[in-house]
Protein backbone atom coordinates (compact mmCIF):
# COMPACT_ATOMS: atom_id res chain seq x y z
CA MET A 1 -27.13 4.15 15.62
CA THR A 2 -28.27 3.02 11.91
CA GLN A 3 -30.74 4.84 9.62
CA GLN A 4 -33.33 2.79 10.45
CA ALA A 5 -32.73 2.66 13.80
CA SER A 6 -32.77 6.71 14.03
CA LEU A 7 -35.99 6.90 12.35
CA ALA A 8 -37.60 4.23 14.51
CA ALA A 9 -36.73 6.28 17.77
CA LEU A 10 -38.52 9.72 16.44
CA GLN A 11 -40.96 7.08 15.35
CA GLU A 12 -41.55 5.54 19.13
CA ARG A 13 -41.42 9.34 20.31
CA VAL A 14 -44.29 10.55 17.82
CA ALA A 15 -46.45 7.54 18.51
CA ALA A 16 -46.78 8.30 22.05
CA VAL A 17 -47.93 11.94 21.06
CA ASN A 18 -50.53 10.66 18.99
CA ASP A 19 -51.60 7.60 21.56
CA VAL A 20 -52.14 10.88 23.95
CA LEU A 21 -53.62 12.87 21.24
CA ASN A 22 -56.12 10.26 20.58
CA ALA A 23 -57.07 9.74 24.07
CA VAL A 24 -57.98 13.26 24.21
CA SER A 25 -60.29 13.30 20.94
CA VAL A 26 -62.22 10.08 22.84
CA LEU A 27 -62.72 12.56 25.90
CA THR A 28 -63.92 15.22 23.25
CA TRP A 29 -66.22 12.55 21.45
CA ASP A 30 -67.83 11.61 24.60
CA SER A 31 -67.88 15.45 25.80
CA ARG A 32 -70.06 16.23 22.81
CA THR A 33 -72.28 13.09 22.23
CA MET A 34 -72.80 11.35 25.66
CA MET A 35 -71.11 13.79 28.51
CA PRO A 36 -74.15 14.77 31.17
CA ALA A 37 -73.73 18.83 31.31
CA GLY A 38 -72.33 18.53 34.77
CA GLY A 39 -69.08 17.11 33.74
CA ALA A 40 -67.82 20.01 31.35
CA GLU A 41 -65.66 21.59 33.81
CA THR A 42 -63.87 18.75 35.15
CA ARG A 43 -63.70 17.65 31.34
CA GLY A 44 -61.77 20.35 30.09
CA LEU A 45 -59.14 20.11 32.79
CA GLN A 46 -58.83 16.38 31.75
CA ILE A 47 -58.13 17.33 28.02
CA ALA A 48 -56.14 20.35 29.02
CA THR A 49 -53.85 17.86 31.05
CA LEU A 50 -53.76 15.38 28.28
CA THR A 51 -52.81 18.02 25.59
CA ARG A 52 -50.20 19.32 28.20
CA ILE A 53 -48.83 15.93 28.34
CA ALA A 54 -48.52 15.76 24.79
CA ARG A 55 -46.66 18.97 23.83
CA ASP A 56 -44.32 18.07 26.83
CA LEU A 57 -43.50 14.98 24.71
CA LEU A 58 -43.25 16.75 21.61
CA LEU A 59 -40.68 19.15 23.20
CA ALA A 60 -38.71 16.90 25.46
CA PRO A 61 -35.27 16.12 25.21
CA GLN A 62 -35.59 12.68 23.73
CA THR A 63 -37.73 13.45 21.26
CA GLU A 64 -35.16 16.23 20.64
CA LYS A 65 -32.09 13.85 20.56
CA ALA A 66 -34.17 11.77 18.29
CA LEU A 67 -34.94 14.28 16.06
CA GLU A 68 -32.06 15.08 15.39
CA GLU A 69 -30.79 12.31 14.22
CA ALA A 70 -33.25 11.31 11.97
CA GLU A 71 -32.60 14.53 10.15
CA ARG A 72 -28.90 13.46 9.98
CA ALA A 73 -30.52 9.81 8.75
CA THR A 74 -32.69 11.53 5.92
CA GLU A 75 -30.42 13.83 4.50
CA GLY A 76 -30.34 11.89 1.13
CA PHE A 77 -33.90 11.13 0.59
CA GLY A 78 -36.12 12.63 -2.13
CA GLU A 79 -37.90 16.05 -0.90
CA ASP A 80 -41.19 14.33 -0.81
CA ALA A 81 -39.86 10.89 0.74
CA ALA A 82 -42.47 10.04 3.64
CA GLU A 83 -39.64 9.42 5.76
CA ARG A 84 -38.33 12.81 4.91
CA ARG A 85 -42.00 14.52 5.45
CA MET A 86 -42.08 13.26 8.66
CA VAL A 87 -39.00 14.28 10.14
CA GLN A 88 -39.37 17.84 8.38
CA GLN A 89 -43.07 17.88 9.94
CA THR A 90 -41.89 17.38 13.44
CA ARG A 91 -39.50 19.53 13.48
CA HIS A 92 -41.48 22.41 12.31
CA ALA A 93 -43.61 21.55 15.38
CA VAL A 94 -41.12 21.41 17.61
CA GLU A 95 -40.07 24.89 16.99
CA HIS A 96 -43.82 26.51 16.59
CA HIS A 97 -44.43 24.85 19.94
CA LYS A 98 -40.87 26.10 21.39
CA ARG A 99 -42.76 29.73 20.63
CA VAL A 100 -45.73 28.96 22.79
CA PRO A 101 -45.88 29.16 26.19
CA ALA A 102 -47.28 25.76 28.42
CA SER A 103 -49.48 27.95 29.97
CA LEU A 104 -51.28 29.29 27.26
CA ILE A 105 -51.90 25.68 25.10
CA GLN A 106 -53.53 24.47 28.44
CA GLU A 107 -55.50 27.21 29.31
CA ARG A 108 -56.75 27.11 25.68
CA ALA A 109 -57.37 23.61 26.10
CA ALA A 110 -59.30 23.97 29.10
CA LEU A 111 -61.61 26.77 28.04
CA ARG A 112 -62.62 24.56 25.18
CA THR A 113 -65.11 22.38 26.77
CA VAL A 114 -66.50 24.98 29.38
CA ALA A 115 -66.99 26.92 26.58
CA GLN A 116 -69.00 24.33 24.68
CA ALA A 117 -71.15 23.83 27.45
CA ALA A 118 -71.81 27.45 27.87
CA TRP A 119 -72.46 27.38 24.12
CA ILE A 120 -74.77 24.14 24.26
CA GLU A 121 -76.62 25.88 26.85
CA ALA A 122 -76.99 29.47 25.11
CA ARG A 123 -78.10 28.00 22.02
CA SER A 124 -80.73 26.49 23.55
CA LYS A 125 -81.98 29.40 25.59
CA SER A 126 -81.10 31.56 22.42
CA GLU A 127 -79.20 34.02 24.67
CA PHE A 128 -75.81 34.99 23.18
CA THR A 129 -74.50 36.71 26.57
CA LEU A 130 -74.49 33.54 28.12
CA PHE A 131 -71.93 32.13 25.79
CA SER A 132 -70.22 36.11 25.22
CA PRO A 133 -67.95 35.96 28.18
CA HIS A 134 -66.04 32.61 26.94
CA LEU A 135 -66.07 34.06 23.80
CA ALA A 136 -64.19 36.84 24.45
CA ARG A 137 -61.71 34.94 26.61
CA THR A 138 -61.23 32.54 23.56
CA VAL A 139 -60.50 35.69 21.29
CA ALA A 140 -57.97 36.89 23.79
CA LEU A 141 -56.34 33.30 24.21
CA SER A 142 -56.54 33.78 19.85
CA ARG A 143 -54.57 36.69 20.11
CA ALA A 144 -52.04 35.91 22.60
CA TYR A 145 -51.39 32.32 20.62
CA ALA A 146 -51.25 34.62 17.35
CA ASP A 147 -48.58 36.97 18.68
CA CYS A 148 -46.55 33.74 19.87
CA ILE A 149 -46.73 32.21 16.55
CA GLY A 150 -46.32 35.44 14.96
CA TRP A 151 -47.62 37.09 11.78
CA ASP A 152 -46.70 39.95 9.31
CA GLU A 153 -49.78 41.52 7.81
CA HIS A 154 -53.01 40.50 10.42
CA PRO A 155 -52.78 38.35 13.53
CA TYR A 156 -55.74 36.08 11.79
CA ASP A 157 -53.04 34.28 9.55
CA ALA A 158 -51.72 33.32 12.10
CA MET A 159 -54.96 31.21 13.44
CA VAL A 160 -55.61 30.36 9.15
CA SER A 161 -52.11 28.73 9.14
CA ILE A 162 -52.88 26.06 11.89
CA TYR A 163 -55.85 24.78 9.95
CA GLU A 164 -54.97 26.09 6.20
CA PRO A 165 -51.08 26.44 5.84
CA GLY A 166 -50.77 28.94 3.07
CA GLU A 167 -53.59 30.78 3.48
CA THR A 168 -53.68 34.13 5.19
CA ALA A 169 -56.34 37.23 5.51
CA ALA A 170 -54.75 38.79 2.36
CA SER A 171 -55.33 35.72 0.34
CA LEU A 172 -58.37 34.43 1.25
CA LYS A 173 -59.83 37.81 0.29
CA LYS A 174 -58.87 37.51 -3.03
CA LEU A 175 -60.49 34.08 -3.29
CA PHE A 176 -63.80 35.11 -1.91
CA THR A 177 -63.62 38.18 -4.70
CA ALA A 178 -63.59 36.28 -7.31
CA LEU A 179 -66.64 34.05 -5.45
CA ARG A 180 -68.33 36.25 -5.07
CA ALA A 181 -68.18 37.66 -8.45
CA GLY A 182 -68.89 34.34 -10.08
CA LEU A 183 -71.70 33.33 -7.49
CA LEU A 184 -74.12 36.45 -7.63
CA PRO A 185 -75.09 36.06 -11.30
CA ILE A 186 -75.91 32.27 -10.48
CA LEU A 187 -77.33 32.85 -7.65
CA ASP A 188 -79.75 36.11 -9.16
CA ALA A 189 -81.07 33.57 -11.76
CA ALA A 190 -81.72 30.99 -9.68
CA ARG A 191 -83.90 32.83 -7.58
CA ALA A 192 -85.94 34.59 -10.09
CA ARG A 193 -87.15 31.24 -11.01
CA PRO A 194 -90.40 29.81 -9.31
CA GLN A 195 -89.64 27.88 -6.28
CA PRO A 196 -90.23 24.17 -6.39
CA ARG A 197 -92.68 22.39 -4.12
CA SER A 198 -91.00 21.59 -0.73
CA ASP A 199 -93.60 21.10 1.87
CA PHE A 200 -93.17 17.66 2.18
CA LEU A 201 -89.40 18.02 3.74
CA PHE A 202 -91.31 19.50 6.54
CA ARG A 203 -93.19 16.76 7.69
CA ALA A 204 -93.43 14.82 10.59
CA PHE A 205 -90.47 12.12 10.14
CA PRO A 206 -89.32 9.81 13.08
CA GLU A 207 -85.91 9.23 14.43
CA GLU A 208 -85.52 5.71 13.62
CA GLY A 209 -86.22 6.27 9.84
CA GLN A 210 -83.63 8.75 9.33
CA ARG A 211 -81.09 6.81 11.33
CA ALA A 212 -82.02 3.90 9.46
CA PHE A 213 -81.53 5.32 6.02
CA GLY A 214 -78.72 7.66 7.02
CA LEU A 215 -76.81 4.05 8.12
CA SER A 216 -77.45 2.94 4.87
CA LEU A 217 -76.56 6.23 3.34
CA ALA A 218 -72.85 6.06 4.77
CA GLU A 219 -72.51 2.37 4.05
CA LYS A 220 -73.41 2.94 -0.02
CA LEU A 221 -70.54 5.56 0.09
CA GLY A 222 -68.03 3.23 1.71
CA TYR A 223 -67.74 4.30 5.34
CA ASP A 224 -67.07 0.90 7.36
CA LEU A 225 -68.65 0.32 10.36
CA ARG A 226 -66.50 -2.39 11.38
CA ARG A 227 -64.28 0.64 11.77
CA GLY A 228 -66.72 3.29 12.69
CA ARG A 229 -70.28 3.95 14.46
CA LEU A 230 -72.87 6.53 13.69
CA ASP A 231 -73.91 9.01 16.67
CA THR A 232 -76.23 11.75 17.76
CA THR A 233 -74.68 15.67 18.57
CA VAL A 234 -76.24 18.86 18.83
CA HIS A 235 -73.65 20.17 15.67
CA PRO A 236 -72.32 17.17 13.95
CA PHE A 237 -68.66 16.31 13.53
CA GLU A 238 -66.60 13.14 12.31
CA VAL A 239 -63.06 12.29 14.91
CA SER A 240 -61.11 9.67 14.02
CA PHE A 241 -58.96 7.75 16.74
CA THR A 242 -56.80 6.44 13.99
CA ARG A 243 -58.07 4.93 10.67
CA ASN A 244 -59.38 1.87 12.69
CA ASP A 245 -61.97 3.51 14.69
CA VAL A 246 -63.26 6.97 12.81
CA ARG A 247 -66.58 8.07 14.06
CA ILE A 248 -69.29 10.29 12.47
CA THR A 249 -72.27 12.00 14.08
CA THR A 250 -75.33 13.76 13.17
CA ARG A 251 -78.46 15.46 14.30
CA TYR A 252 -82.43 14.50 13.79
CA ASN A 253 -84.80 16.87 13.04
CA ARG A 254 -88.29 15.77 13.53
CA ASN A 255 -89.59 18.32 11.23
CA TYR A 256 -86.96 18.84 8.47
CA LEU A 257 -86.11 15.41 6.78
CA PRO A 258 -82.68 16.85 4.68
CA ALA A 259 -81.02 17.90 7.66
CA SER A 260 -79.91 14.39 8.90
CA ILE A 261 -79.20 13.22 5.27
CA PHE A 262 -77.35 16.02 3.84
CA GLY A 263 -75.24 15.93 7.59
CA THR A 264 -74.46 12.67 7.43
CA ALA A 265 -73.47 12.42 3.98
CA HIS A 266 -71.33 15.39 4.66
CA GLU A 267 -69.53 13.83 7.80
CA THR A 268 -69.58 10.16 5.86
CA GLY A 269 -67.08 12.12 3.48
CA HIS A 270 -64.72 13.31 6.76
CA GLY A 271 -64.68 9.14 7.53
CA LEU A 272 -64.19 8.05 4.02
CA TYR A 273 -60.67 10.45 4.15
CA GLU A 274 -59.54 9.08 7.53
CA GLN A 275 -60.77 5.54 6.88
CA GLY A 276 -58.69 5.57 3.63
CA VAL A 277 -55.02 6.45 4.87
CA ASP A 278 -51.89 4.51 4.28
CA PRO A 279 -51.97 1.82 7.21
CA ALA A 280 -48.01 2.39 7.26
CA HIS A 281 -49.34 6.08 8.88
CA THR A 282 -51.06 4.98 11.37
CA ARG A 283 -49.60 6.64 14.80
CA THR A 284 -46.59 8.72 13.16
CA ALA A 285 -46.39 12.35 12.22
CA LEU A 286 -48.17 11.68 8.83
CA ALA A 287 -51.51 11.40 10.75
CA THR A 288 -50.89 13.62 13.48
CA ASP A 289 -51.28 17.15 13.43
CA LEU A 290 -48.64 18.08 16.13
CA VAL A 291 -48.78 21.83 15.33
CA GLY A 292 -52.61 21.32 16.19
CA LEU A 293 -51.89 18.84 18.60
CA TYR A 294 -54.66 16.73 16.78
CA ALA A 295 -54.44 12.97 16.25
CA VAL A 296 -55.84 13.24 12.44
CA GLY A 297 -54.93 11.69 8.74
CA GLY A 298 -56.38 14.94 6.56
CA THR A 299 -53.39 17.01 5.48
CA SER A 300 -55.49 20.27 5.72
CA PHE A 301 -59.36 21.43 7.41
CA GLY A 302 -60.03 22.49 3.50
CA ALA A 303 -58.50 19.50 2.00
CA HIS A 304 -60.93 17.39 4.73
CA GLU A 305 -63.98 19.79 4.12
CA SER A 306 -63.13 18.70 0.02
CA GLN A 307 -63.98 15.49 0.62
CA SER A 308 -67.01 15.51 2.71
CA ARG A 309 -68.55 18.39 0.41
CA LEU A 310 -67.36 16.36 -2.76
CA TRP A 311 -69.48 13.16 -1.37
CA GLU A 312 -72.06 15.75 0.03
CA ASN A 313 -73.19 17.89 -2.90
CA HIS A 314 -71.69 16.47 -5.94
CA ILE A 315 -72.88 12.90 -5.12
CA VAL A 316 -75.88 12.85 -2.64
CA ARG A 317 -77.74 15.84 -3.75
CA SER A 318 -77.19 14.66 -7.14
CA ARG A 319 -80.30 14.02 -9.79
CA THR A 320 -79.04 10.50 -10.52
CA PHE A 321 -78.14 9.62 -6.81
CA TRP A 322 -81.96 10.12 -5.84
CA ARG A 323 -83.36 8.63 -8.74
CA ARG A 324 -81.51 5.58 -7.99
CA HIS A 325 -82.02 5.77 -3.98
CA PHE A 326 -85.31 7.61 -3.48
CA SER A 327 -87.54 4.54 -3.52
CA GLU A 328 -85.10 3.31 -0.66
CA LEU A 329 -86.12 6.39 1.37
CA ARG A 330 -90.00 6.21 0.81
CA GLN A 331 -89.91 2.83 1.93
CA HIS A 332 -88.50 4.55 5.76
CA PHE A 333 -91.64 7.08 5.28
CA PRO A 334 -94.46 5.82 2.91
CA ASP A 335 -96.74 8.13 4.68
CA GLN A 336 -94.72 11.44 4.32
CA LEU A 337 -93.13 10.62 1.29
CA GLY A 338 -96.06 8.53 -0.64
CA ASP A 339 -97.24 11.60 -2.30
CA VAL A 340 -93.64 12.53 -3.92
CA GLY A 341 -91.01 11.26 -6.51
CA ALA A 342 -87.78 11.01 -7.13
CA ASP A 343 -87.20 14.24 -9.31
CA GLU A 344 -89.52 16.36 -7.17
CA PHE A 345 -87.39 15.13 -4.37
CA TYR A 346 -84.41 16.21 -6.17
CA ARG A 347 -85.63 19.61 -6.68
CA ALA A 348 -87.28 20.52 -3.47
CA VAL A 349 -83.42 19.44 -1.86
CA THR A 350 -81.67 21.64 -4.44
CA ARG A 351 -84.00 24.21 -4.27
CA VAL A 352 -82.34 27.44 -4.05
CA GLU A 353 -83.63 29.37 -0.93
CA PRO A 354 -81.42 31.47 1.69
CA GLY A 355 -81.76 30.72 5.05
CA PHE A 356 -80.50 31.36 8.54
CA ILE A 357 -78.53 28.30 9.22
CA ARG A 358 -75.40 27.10 7.27
CA VAL A 359 -75.35 23.43 7.69
CA GLU A 360 -78.90 23.59 5.84
CA ALA A 361 -77.70 26.32 3.23
CA ASP A 362 -78.30 25.65 -0.31
CA GLU A 363 -75.29 25.27 -3.04
CA LEU A 364 -75.25 28.68 -3.96
CA THR A 365 -75.56 30.59 -0.63
CA TYR A 366 -73.55 28.24 1.45
CA ASP A 367 -70.22 30.44 0.46
CA PHE A 368 -72.06 33.52 1.70
CA HIS A 369 -71.99 32.33 5.29
CA ILE A 370 -68.74 31.24 5.15
CA MET A 371 -67.47 34.55 3.72
CA LEU A 372 -69.40 36.44 6.46
CA ARG A 373 -67.77 34.67 9.48
CA ALA A 374 -64.28 35.01 8.10
CA ASP A 375 -64.86 38.87 7.79
CA ILE A 376 -66.08 38.40 11.26
CA GLU A 377 -63.39 36.32 12.88
CA CYS A 378 -61.01 38.81 11.05
CA ALA A 379 -62.36 41.78 12.86
CA LEU A 380 -62.38 40.00 16.35
CA MET A 381 -58.80 39.13 15.86
CA ASP A 382 -57.99 42.55 15.14
CA GLY A 383 -60.06 44.38 17.79
CA SER A 384 -62.34 46.22 15.11
CA LEU A 385 -65.54 44.44 16.48
CA PRO A 386 -65.55 43.69 20.22
CA VAL A 387 -67.69 40.56 21.23
CA GLY A 388 -70.52 42.32 22.73
CA ASP A 389 -71.27 43.86 19.26
CA LEU A 390 -70.95 40.67 17.38
CA PRO A 391 -74.84 39.68 17.13
CA GLU A 392 -75.54 43.08 15.50
CA ALA A 393 -72.56 42.95 13.05
CA TRP A 394 -73.44 39.22 12.24
CA ASN A 395 -77.51 40.36 11.79
CA ALA A 396 -76.35 43.15 9.48
CA ALA A 397 -74.03 40.87 7.68
CA ILE A 398 -76.94 38.28 6.87
CA ARG A 399 -79.35 41.27 5.76
CA ARG A 400 -76.61 42.48 3.36
CA ASP A 401 -75.39 39.06 1.77
CA LEU A 402 -78.72 37.21 2.20
CA ASP A 403 -81.81 39.68 2.48
CA LEU A 404 -82.71 38.31 5.74
CA VAL A 405 -83.66 39.54 9.30
CA VAL A 406 -82.20 37.28 11.63
CA PRO A 407 -84.93 36.21 14.32
CA ASP A 408 -82.87 34.89 17.64
CA ASP A 409 -79.28 34.29 18.47
CA ALA A 410 -80.25 30.55 17.96
CA ARG A 411 -80.61 30.89 14.31
CA GLY A 412 -77.78 33.90 14.32
CA VAL A 413 -74.54 33.92 16.17
CA LEU A 414 -74.94 30.86 17.98
CA GLN A 415 -75.59 28.49 15.41
CA ASP A 416 -71.87 27.11 15.18
CA VAL A 417 -70.00 24.91 17.45
CA HIS A 418 -66.74 26.21 16.14
CA TRP A 419 -66.00 29.23 18.35
CA SER A 420 -66.57 27.63 21.13
CA THR A 421 -64.21 24.73 20.71
CA GLY A 422 -60.93 27.70 19.95
CA TYR A 423 -61.76 26.87 16.00
CA ILE A 424 -60.84 30.70 15.02
CA GLY A 425 -60.00 30.47 11.62
CA SER A 426 -61.23 27.66 10.71
CA PHE A 427 -64.59 28.51 8.78
CA PRO A 428 -63.00 29.63 5.55
CA THR A 429 -61.77 26.14 4.75
CA TYR A 430 -65.32 25.00 4.11
CA THR A 431 -65.15 27.23 0.76
CA ILE A 432 -61.63 26.22 0.09
CA GLY A 433 -63.45 22.35 0.61
CA ASN A 434 -66.03 23.64 -1.89
CA VAL A 435 -63.04 24.83 -4.38
CA MET A 436 -60.94 21.87 -3.83
CA GLY A 437 -63.66 19.27 -4.14
CA ALA A 438 -64.75 20.81 -7.74
CA GLN A 439 -61.09 20.79 -8.59
CA VAL A 440 -60.26 17.35 -7.72
CA MET A 441 -64.01 16.18 -9.04
CA ASP A 442 -63.71 17.88 -12.28
CA THR A 443 -60.01 16.15 -12.93
CA LEU A 444 -60.86 12.63 -11.74
CA CYS A 445 -64.19 12.95 -14.61
CA SER A 446 -61.94 14.28 -17.39
CA ARG A 447 -59.38 11.54 -16.80
CA ASN A 448 -61.79 8.63 -16.35
CA SER A 449 -64.48 9.07 -19.03
CA SER A 450 -66.02 5.74 -17.28
CA LEU A 451 -66.37 7.65 -13.56
CA GLY A 452 -69.67 9.39 -14.71
CA ASP A 453 -71.61 6.02 -15.52
CA ALA A 454 -70.27 4.13 -12.52
CA ILE A 455 -71.63 6.48 -9.92
CA GLU A 456 -74.96 7.02 -11.87
CA ALA A 457 -74.87 2.98 -11.65
CA GLY A 458 -74.66 3.40 -7.73
CA HIS A 459 -71.07 2.27 -7.60
CA TYR A 460 -69.35 4.27 -6.13
CA ALA A 461 -66.71 2.34 -4.45
CA VAL A 462 -64.92 3.08 -8.36
CA LEU A 463 -65.04 6.92 -7.11
CA ALA A 464 -63.81 5.96 -3.45
CA ASP A 465 -60.80 3.89 -4.94
CA GLU A 466 -59.84 6.93 -6.91
CA LEU A 467 -60.23 9.28 -4.14
CA ARG A 468 -58.23 6.68 -1.61
CA THR A 469 -55.14 6.50 -4.34
CA ARG A 470 -54.91 10.33 -5.32
CA ILE A 471 -55.68 11.86 -1.57
CA TRP A 472 -56.88 9.84 1.56
CA GLN A 473 -54.09 7.42 1.24
CA HIS A 474 -51.11 10.34 1.31
CA GLY A 475 -52.33 11.26 5.03
CA ARG A 476 -50.17 14.43 5.48
CA ARG A 477 -47.32 13.60 3.69
CA PHE A 478 -48.66 16.25 0.88
CA THR A 479 -49.89 19.72 1.33
CA ARG A 480 -53.13 20.45 -0.10
CA ASP A 481 -51.37 22.51 -3.17
CA GLU A 482 -48.94 19.64 -3.44
CA LEU A 483 -52.20 16.93 -3.88
CA LEU A 484 -53.25 19.90 -6.34
CA GLU A 485 -50.80 19.99 -8.21
CA ARG A 486 -50.14 16.33 -8.64
CA GLU A 487 -53.49 15.75 -9.53
CA THR A 488 -54.82 18.43 -11.39
CA GLY A 489 -51.67 20.34 -12.32
CA ARG A 490 -52.52 23.52 -10.70
CA PRO A 491 -53.13 24.96 -7.43
CA LEU A 492 -56.20 25.94 -6.07
CA ASP A 493 -58.73 27.37 -8.60
CA PRO A 494 -62.29 28.54 -8.45
CA GLY A 495 -62.84 27.92 -12.06
CA PRO A 496 -64.35 24.20 -11.92
CA TYR A 497 -66.43 24.83 -9.21
CA LEU A 498 -68.22 28.05 -10.75
CA ARG A 499 -68.72 25.80 -13.57
CA TYR A 500 -70.28 23.37 -11.75
CA LEU A 501 -72.66 25.22 -9.92
CA ARG A 502 -73.35 27.32 -13.46
CA GLY A 503 -73.97 23.68 -14.89
CA LYS A 504 -76.30 22.82 -11.92
CA TYR A 505 -77.94 26.11 -11.12
CA GLY A 506 -77.55 28.04 -14.05
CA ALA A 507 -80.33 26.22 -16.05
């Protein structure tokens, strides 16, 4: 078999896996946006069946034969050649899944939809006990999964490796220690200043106006609505069914305008990444997480979050953005914002005010939300924290880090969707995204002196083109740190992130 034929044979097998995983994503998107509550149990079984089929395709003898021939065919390729990376990633995934029983994969997949439905009900009623049995099962299955994968120092290492390869409980502790030391002085200084006026953010903002502005915002940043759409959900997310169908969601709080604005901006950042993947990678291993059995072009969850947090915070949460676009927002809400100016609005949406809800947190307190969740996940995984004690542990951590008393489960332990979908180990990737996004942005601005002027002028395509060239187009070809080394000259470094926050909030 020729070299080209060998690669094509493997690609055909991986494309089939990608197709099935995209079907899983369609069913998941529907379950979180359109599906009636009564459909949860059977939807979970449907997703579990398709997930098992994807795994079976990956581990089939035909795939192994095609993989062996492709490995021989790419022996002479450069280490970072796209073809060789596709083959290496497929081999890594095959060996990974050989260690995990199919029954465990299927049970984890089936549990997600049922657990998510239970979480939605529990959150609406603010009753953790309605969700806790499902979370207990999720934790048990995650421990079993970690044992199958293998770990040395802590079972959490195995779960983190699914979402952010290379990170461990120990490496995260080191990063979080440095961030806490850097963040606390900035936070203390910001909290010592008088609070800006913000009452106008809590007026009545009709959903139709929020949606219209959100769509306009997404398009301004470069989101292609010919290949995407914006829908409503309980907890915002982005999902792609190849780069040609990338969907984002948000939620509307009639009495708190920033939730939908910055939620939409955040998910738009994710959508831009997926829409920006090289078309040549479509239905290949470079647009498929074959380990996590998830169709995605981003190279890691942290890399993905770096793009959403970059657009949300560095662009949409900037003074220059609101000086340019506040008048459009006021056109949608003339009565609610008629007595407000652009700078006043900017100061309100960047005020530092510790709160209960992570997705609505200001930039200085956001990472404390993430770090306490990572600590809790570690304790759940090693068994030192029983699931039944979780609300008490959560509330104590919020009191310790943010000096707040949690009023109820809905604004406490039940606020995030992640644990209901089995994503134990993914929370640290948000803070990694903050750090990576600032590091990339710092380098881009240093390298291109006109980038800042383009952003100030509202020419966001200039930034999007830079990110597409340097990050998005590669899909999963390079690891997170390889991308950082290529573009910034060093691996993950919290320095630029802390400098950015000092510059924005230190005065």
